Amino acid sequence: MTHNRRTTCVALAMLALASPLDAQAGTSPVIAVAPTPIALSAVPTPPRPVAAALLPYIGEYTFAADTQIVAEVNGALVAFSGRGNRAVVPARDFTRENGALQLSVAAGQPLVRFAVGTEEGVTFRVKPLRPIAELRRTALAAKPPAETGKRAPELVELVVRDSTIHLDIRYATDNNFMGAAMYSQGRAFMQRPAAEAVVRANRTLKAFGFGLLIHDAYRPWYVTKMFWDATTGADHEFVANPATGSKHNRGAAVDLTLYTLADGKPVRMPGGYDEFSHRSYPSYPGGTSLERWRRDLLRAVMESEGFSVNPSEWWHFDLTGWAEWPIGNIPFEQVRRRP
């Protein structure tokens, strides 16, 4: 699916958004460059699943300069507007015109629902600017930026440290935004302090009925260069610049989500993994109360272990002190095995 360019404009226009743990807080701060951490002790009990009758109305609606996000909050439909307004909207305010769902407003033209990001279960895709094989040749021939004064790397494998951590390494398959395998193996490595923190987070989540599902961890630098060279413009907000290297390259960042212990299945979040849209923001107010609660729980647990969330990606977490480690460029099969 191609990137909906409207999403970047909407992201900039949404001035008042629901806060993390909105079921408890009831306030609407703006999306910050560095989101305020969530205290694990502040996580409320999980909200009830959304009523099936409300699901068709959840989404985003626009006409001219007016855009509104309709979400489920505490069992009701709530519209958030870019002008800072937040109001409950009844189902009767929604109509269909020529097959399109519309939201009626107090005055003026009804707002028409439009697609944002990707549908549930569909992986976001971009069309690389050059063929994958050419991108790989160029990246492998390049060298990462030189650095000095860094800690000696000590990459360890996450599932060796805790076998209850699950893996879905997207870049070892074609199920990723590039549509091709970037890694030779589906494995997850991190620097030892980062790996130990992830293991502790996984143990904490068991009390809530969840485990961690890893999508990506250490990433060789040449793959970061492939991502950068394959994209351009607004899409560069979602990929790291190889000139400075990625926190993934240093083995101190991880992309993850939750799976349910009861059935081993990934949970649904307000937006999909690696989705190049504003639904990826950690404070995005759309979706359901339960989806946002899961997202905020994941963030609270990770932040309690010394990670910080990426302001553009709810799934991406960086360990405090990530800059202490050097940019790595060795492929997975060459990583030294450590207990």
Protein backbone atom coordinates (compact mmCIF):
# COMPACT_ATOMS: atom_id res chain seq x y z
CA MET A 1 0.00 0.00 0.00
CA THR A 2 1.36 3.41 -0.90
CA HIS A 3 2.00 6.07 1.71
CA ASN A 4 -0.94 8.43 2.15
CA ARG A 5 0.81 11.81 2.01
CA ARG A 6 -2.15 13.46 3.76
CA THR A 7 -1.09 11.81 7.01
CA THR A 8 1.92 14.07 7.47
CA CYS A 9 -0.25 17.18 7.08
CA VAL A 10 -2.83 15.83 9.50
CA ALA A 11 -0.12 15.04 12.03
CA LEU A 12 1.01 18.65 12.00
CA ALA A 13 -2.55 19.92 12.21
CA MET A 14 -3.61 17.87 15.24
CA LEU A 15 -2.86 20.32 18.02
CA ALA A 16 -4.81 18.72 20.86
CA LEU A 17 -4.49 14.97 21.29
CA ALA A 18 -5.49 12.49 23.97
CA SER A 19 -2.85 11.84 26.57
CA PRO A 20 -1.40 8.42 27.36
CA LEU A 21 -3.64 6.60 29.80
CA ASP A 22 -6.47 8.93 28.69
CA ALA A 23 -9.06 6.74 30.38
CA GLN A 24 -7.57 7.95 33.64
CA ALA A 25 -6.12 11.37 32.87
CA GLY A 26 -8.86 13.10 30.89
CA THR A 27 -6.52 15.77 29.51
CA SER A 28 -5.34 16.49 25.98
CA PRO A 29 -1.71 17.67 25.73
CA VAL A 30 0.01 18.16 22.39
CA ILE A 31 2.34 15.58 20.91
CA ALA A 32 5.78 16.49 22.23
CA VAL A 33 9.17 16.00 20.62
CA ALA A 34 10.15 14.02 23.73
CA PRO A 35 6.95 12.47 25.16
CA THR A 36 6.56 12.66 28.93
CA PRO A 37 7.34 9.25 30.48
CA ILE A 38 4.50 7.15 31.85
CA ALA A 39 4.84 5.83 35.41
CA LEU A 40 4.12 2.11 35.66
CA SER A 41 2.27 2.79 38.91
CA ALA A 42 -0.14 5.04 36.99
CA VAL A 43 -1.34 2.29 34.66
CA PRO A 44 -5.07 1.76 35.35
CA THR A 45 -6.98 -1.49 35.06
CA PRO A 46 -7.60 -2.48 31.43
CA PRO A 47 -10.74 -1.02 29.87
CA ARG A 48 -13.44 -3.22 28.44
CA PRO A 49 -13.23 -4.25 24.77
CA VAL A 50 -15.02 -1.85 22.45
CA ALA A 51 -18.63 -2.60 21.56
CA ALA A 52 -18.78 -4.09 18.06
CA ALA A 53 -21.40 -1.51 17.03
CA LEU A 54 -18.86 1.33 17.49
CA LEU A 55 -16.02 -0.16 15.44
CA PRO A 56 -17.24 0.99 11.98
CA TYR A 57 -17.12 4.65 13.04
CA ILE A 58 -13.59 4.72 14.45
CA GLY A 59 -11.24 6.51 12.06
CA GLU A 60 -10.42 9.91 10.59
CA TYR A 61 -12.68 12.36 8.75
CA THR A 62 -11.86 15.48 6.77
CA PHE A 63 -13.23 18.29 4.63
CA ALA A 64 -11.19 21.30 3.54
CA ALA A 65 -9.13 22.43 6.55
CA ASP A 66 -11.17 20.52 9.12
CA THR A 67 -9.91 17.09 10.17
CA GLN A 68 -11.18 15.05 13.11
CA ILE A 69 -10.07 11.79 14.68
CA VAL A 70 -12.93 9.67 15.98
CA ALA A 71 -11.90 7.26 18.73
CA GLU A 72 -13.59 5.10 21.35
CA VAL A 73 -13.06 6.46 24.86
CA ASN A 74 -14.73 4.87 27.88
CA GLY A 75 -17.37 3.20 25.72
CA ALA A 76 -18.31 6.31 23.72
CA LEU A 77 -17.29 7.77 20.37
CA VAL A 78 -15.17 10.90 20.86
CA ALA A 79 -14.01 13.29 18.13
CA PHE A 80 -10.69 15.15 18.47
CA SER A 81 -10.20 18.16 16.22
CA GLY A 82 -7.10 20.07 15.22
CA ARG A 83 -8.56 23.19 16.87
CA GLY A 84 -8.22 21.64 20.31
CA ASN A 85 -11.83 20.48 20.65
CA ARG A 86 -12.91 17.14 22.05
CA ALA A 87 -16.55 16.06 22.04
CA VAL A 88 -18.66 12.94 22.32
CA VAL A 89 -20.44 12.17 19.06
CA PRO A 90 -23.52 9.92 18.81
CA ALA A 91 -23.81 7.25 16.11
CA ARG A 92 -26.65 9.24 14.52
CA ASP A 93 -24.11 11.89 13.44
CA PHE A 94 -22.65 9.39 10.96
CA THR A 95 -24.21 8.83 7.55
CA ARG A 96 -23.27 7.18 4.28
CA GLU A 97 -23.17 9.02 0.98
CA ASN A 98 -22.27 7.08 -2.18
CA GLY A 99 -20.74 4.37 -0.01
CA ALA A 100 -18.51 6.75 1.95
CA LEU A 101 -18.96 7.20 5.70
CA GLN A 102 -19.49 10.83 6.72
CA LEU A 103 -19.48 12.72 10.01
CA SER A 104 -22.00 15.52 10.36
CA VAL A 105 -20.86 18.71 12.09
CA ALA A 106 -22.79 21.58 13.64
CA ALA A 107 -22.44 23.72 10.55
CA GLY A 108 -20.98 23.25 7.13
CA GLN A 109 -20.11 20.32 4.90
CA PRO A 110 -19.99 16.83 6.48
CA LEU A 111 -16.53 15.38 6.97
CA VAL A 112 -15.69 12.34 4.84
CA ARG A 113 -13.77 9.39 6.22
CA PHE A 114 -10.39 8.73 4.59
CA ALA A 115 -7.86 5.92 4.86
CA VAL A 116 -4.90 6.36 7.20
CA GLY A 117 -1.90 4.07 7.26
CA THR A 118 -2.75 0.43 6.60
CA GLU A 119 -5.62 -1.89 7.36
CA GLU A 120 -5.36 -4.36 10.25
CA GLY A 121 -3.05 -7.23 9.32
CA VAL A 122 -1.67 -5.43 6.26
CA THR A 123 2.01 -4.46 6.29
CA PHE A 124 2.87 -0.93 5.21
CA ARG A 125 4.96 -0.78 2.03
CA VAL A 126 7.05 1.78 0.20
CA LYS A 127 8.35 1.48 -3.34
CA PRO A 128 12.16 1.56 -3.00
CA LEU A 129 13.78 4.22 -5.16
CA ARG A 130 16.22 1.63 -6.52
CA PRO A 131 16.24 -2.18 -6.82
CA ILE A 132 17.04 -4.02 -3.58
CA ALA A 133 20.08 -5.74 -5.05
CA GLU A 134 21.55 -2.39 -6.11
CA LEU A 135 20.82 -0.84 -2.72
CA ARG A 136 22.55 -3.78 -1.01
CA ARG A 137 25.66 -3.61 -3.21
CA THR A 138 26.04 0.12 -2.56
CA ALA A 139 25.49 -0.23 1.19
CA LEU A 140 27.91 -3.14 1.61
CA ALA A 141 30.60 -1.19 -0.23
CA ALA A 142 30.16 1.84 2.05
CA LYS A 143 31.63 2.32 5.52
CA PRO A 144 29.92 3.60 8.67
CA PRO A 145 31.06 6.92 10.19
CA ALA A 146 34.26 6.63 12.23
CA GLU A 147 33.95 6.91 16.02
CA THR A 148 36.27 6.84 19.02
CA GLY A 149 35.93 6.48 22.79
CA LYS A 150 33.07 3.98 22.77
CA ARG A 151 32.41 0.98 25.03
CA ALA A 152 33.45 -2.43 23.79
CA PRO A 153 30.36 -4.05 22.24
CA GLU A 154 28.90 -7.13 23.91
CA LEU A 155 25.94 -8.27 21.87
CA VAL A 156 23.86 -11.06 23.40
CA GLU A 157 20.88 -12.92 21.97
CA LEU A 158 17.55 -12.06 23.58
CA VAL A 159 15.89 -15.48 23.32
CA VAL A 160 18.96 -17.11 24.88
CA ARG A 161 18.48 -14.85 27.89
CA ASP A 162 14.71 -15.52 28.06
CA SER A 163 13.02 -18.15 25.90
CA THR A 164 9.55 -16.69 26.61
CA ILE A 165 10.44 -13.65 24.50
CA HIS A 166 8.93 -14.25 21.06
CA LEU A 167 10.41 -13.21 17.73
CA ASP A 168 8.86 -11.88 14.53
CA ILE A 169 11.94 -10.40 12.87
CA ARG A 170 10.28 -8.69 9.95
CA TYR A 171 13.50 -7.74 8.18
CA ALA A 172 14.49 -11.40 7.89
CA THR A 173 11.40 -11.86 5.67
CA ASP A 174 9.63 -9.90 2.95
CA ASN A 175 6.92 -8.89 5.47
CA ASN A 176 8.29 -5.38 6.00
CA PHE A 177 7.99 -1.92 4.52
CA MET A 178 10.73 -2.68 1.95
CA GLY A 179 9.02 -5.85 0.73
CA ALA A 180 12.27 -7.86 0.80
CA ALA A 181 14.49 -9.68 3.30
CA MET A 182 17.20 -7.41 4.72
CA TYR A 183 18.72 -9.90 7.20
CA SER A 184 20.19 -13.32 6.55
CA GLN A 185 18.79 -14.69 9.84
CA GLY A 186 15.73 -14.04 12.01
CA ARG A 187 17.54 -13.27 15.28
CA ALA A 188 17.58 -10.46 17.86
CA PHE A 189 20.73 -9.18 19.59
CA MET A 190 21.32 -6.28 21.99
CA GLN A 191 24.13 -4.99 24.14
CA ARG A 192 24.10 -6.93 27.42
CA PRO A 193 22.67 -4.12 29.66
CA ALA A 194 19.92 -3.48 27.11
CA ALA A 195 19.14 -7.19 26.76
CA GLU A 196 18.91 -7.61 30.54
CA ALA A 197 16.51 -4.65 30.73
CA VAL A 198 14.29 -6.18 28.04
CA VAL A 199 14.25 -9.48 29.95
CA ARG A 200 13.13 -7.66 33.11
CA ALA A 201 10.40 -5.88 31.15
CA ASN A 202 9.17 -9.20 29.80
CA ARG A 203 8.92 -10.60 33.33
CA THR A 204 6.96 -7.57 34.51
CA LEU A 205 4.47 -7.90 31.66
CA LYS A 206 3.61 -11.48 32.62
CA ALA A 207 1.62 -10.14 35.57
CA PHE A 208 -0.61 -8.36 33.02
CA GLY A 209 -1.00 -11.47 30.86
CA PHE A 210 1.45 -10.40 28.15
CA GLY A 211 4.87 -11.20 26.79
CA LEU A 212 7.20 -9.31 24.47
CA LEU A 213 7.27 -9.89 20.71
CA ILE A 214 10.45 -8.55 19.08
CA HIS A 215 10.38 -7.18 15.55
CA ASP A 216 13.93 -5.80 15.45
CA ALA A 217 16.90 -5.15 17.71
CA TYR A 218 20.57 -4.81 16.63
CA ARG A 219 20.68 -3.79 12.98
CA PRO A 220 23.88 -3.79 10.91
CA TRP A 221 24.68 -0.30 9.62
CA TYR A 222 24.54 -1.30 5.96
CA VAL A 223 20.82 -2.09 6.36
CA THR A 224 20.20 1.40 7.76
CA LYS A 225 21.90 2.82 4.68
CA MET A 226 19.64 0.68 2.47
CA PHE A 227 16.56 2.09 4.20
CA TRP A 228 17.77 5.66 3.77
CA ASP A 229 18.73 5.24 0.12
CA ALA A 230 15.40 3.54 -0.64
CA THR A 231 13.26 6.42 0.67
CA THR A 232 13.03 10.17 0.39
CA GLY A 233 11.14 13.25 1.57
CA ALA A 234 8.69 12.83 4.44
CA ASP A 235 9.46 9.11 4.69
CA HIS A 236 12.90 9.99 6.07
CA GLU A 237 11.15 10.87 9.35
CA PHE A 238 10.74 7.14 9.93
CA VAL A 239 14.24 5.89 8.99
CA ALA A 240 17.62 6.77 10.48
CA ASN A 241 20.28 8.78 8.66
CA PRO A 242 23.34 6.56 8.04
CA ALA A 243 25.58 9.63 8.35
CA THR A 244 24.99 9.53 12.11
CA GLY A 245 23.96 5.91 12.44
CA SER A 246 20.93 4.38 14.10
CA LYS A 247 20.49 3.46 17.75
CA HIS A 248 19.66 0.02 16.35
CA ASN A 249 23.16 -0.06 14.85
CA ARG A 250 24.55 0.37 18.37
CA GLY A 251 22.54 -2.55 19.76
CA ALA A 252 20.74 -0.27 22.22
CA ALA A 253 17.33 0.02 20.53
CA VAL A 254 14.51 -2.46 20.10
CA ASP A 255 11.26 -2.59 18.12
CA LEU A 256 8.62 -4.63 19.91
CA THR A 257 4.99 -5.17 20.77
CA LEU A 258 2.93 -7.42 23.05
CA TYR A 259 1.62 -10.92 22.62
CA THR A 260 -1.05 -12.51 24.80
CA LEU A 261 0.24 -15.29 27.04
CA ALA A 262 -3.07 -17.16 26.78
CA ASP A 263 -2.84 -17.76 23.03
CA GLY A 264 0.56 -16.43 21.89
CA LYS A 265 -1.04 -13.99 19.44
CA PRO A 266 0.10 -10.39 18.92
CA VAL A 267 -2.28 -7.75 20.28
CA ARG A 268 -3.86 -4.98 18.26
CA MET A 269 -2.48 -1.46 18.72
CA PRO A 270 -3.81 1.93 17.45
CA GLY A 271 -1.49 1.63 14.43
CA GLY A 272 0.62 -1.05 12.78
CA TYR A 273 4.33 -1.75 13.14
CA ASP A 274 6.51 0.30 10.79
CA GLU A 275 3.50 2.27 9.57
CA PHE A 276 4.64 5.57 8.07
CA SER A 277 1.77 7.65 9.43
CA HIS A 278 0.82 9.74 12.46
CA ARG A 279 -0.94 6.68 13.93
CA SER A 280 2.58 5.59 14.88
CA TYR A 281 2.99 8.50 17.32
CA PRO A 282 2.99 7.34 20.98
CA SER A 283 0.29 9.92 21.84
CA TYR A 284 -1.99 9.30 18.87
CA PRO A 285 -5.54 9.47 20.30
CA GLY A 286 -7.30 7.24 17.77
CA GLY A 287 -8.35 3.61 17.97
CA THR A 288 -9.99 2.07 21.01
CA SER A 289 -9.41 2.50 24.72
CA LEU A 290 -8.04 -1.03 24.97
CA GLU A 291 -5.61 -0.52 22.09
CA ARG A 292 -4.27 2.68 23.64
CA TRP A 293 -4.08 1.00 27.07
CA ARG A 294 -1.92 -1.79 25.65
CA ARG A 295 0.33 0.70 23.88
CA ASP A 296 0.71 2.78 27.04
CA LEU A 297 1.31 -0.31 29.19
CA LEU A 298 4.13 -1.40 26.91
CA ARG A 299 5.63 2.07 27.08
CA ALA A 300 5.31 2.33 30.87
CA VAL A 301 7.01 -1.03 31.42
CA MET A 302 9.84 -0.26 29.01
CA GLU A 303 10.39 3.20 30.49
CA SER A 304 10.51 1.66 33.98
CA GLU A 305 13.57 -0.27 32.76
CA GLY A 306 15.44 2.76 31.45
CA PHE A 307 14.18 2.96 27.88
CA SER A 308 12.60 5.96 26.18
CA VAL A 309 10.03 5.78 23.41
CA ASN A 310 10.73 7.20 19.97
CA PRO A 311 8.46 10.26 19.41
CA SER A 312 7.42 8.96 15.97
CA GLU A 313 7.14 5.21 16.70
CA TRP A 314 5.20 3.65 19.58
CA TRP A 315 7.10 0.35 19.11
CA HIS A 316 10.65 1.77 19.15
CA PHE A 317 12.54 2.10 22.44
CA ASP A 318 16.08 3.35 23.12
CA LEU A 319 18.09 2.51 26.20
CA THR A 320 19.42 5.46 28.19
CA GLY A 321 23.13 5.78 27.39
CA TRP A 322 22.76 4.34 23.88
CA ALA A 323 25.50 6.63 22.57
CA GLU A 324 28.12 4.81 24.70
CA TRP A 325 28.26 1.96 22.17
CA PRO A 326 29.78 2.14 18.68
CA ILE A 327 27.93 1.79 15.40
CA GLY A 328 28.04 -1.89 14.45
CA ASN A 329 28.08 -3.33 10.95
CA ILE A 330 28.67 -7.06 11.36
CA PRO A 331 26.00 -9.46 10.04
CA PHE A 332 24.16 -11.73 12.44
CA GLU A 333 26.11 -14.86 11.54
CA GLN A 334 29.33 -13.17 12.65
CA VAL A 335 28.05 -12.06 16.08
CA ARG A 336 30.04 -13.85 18.77
CA ARG A 337 27.90 -16.24 20.80
CA ARG A 338 27.68 -15.23 24.46
CA PRO A 339 25.63 -16.71 27.32
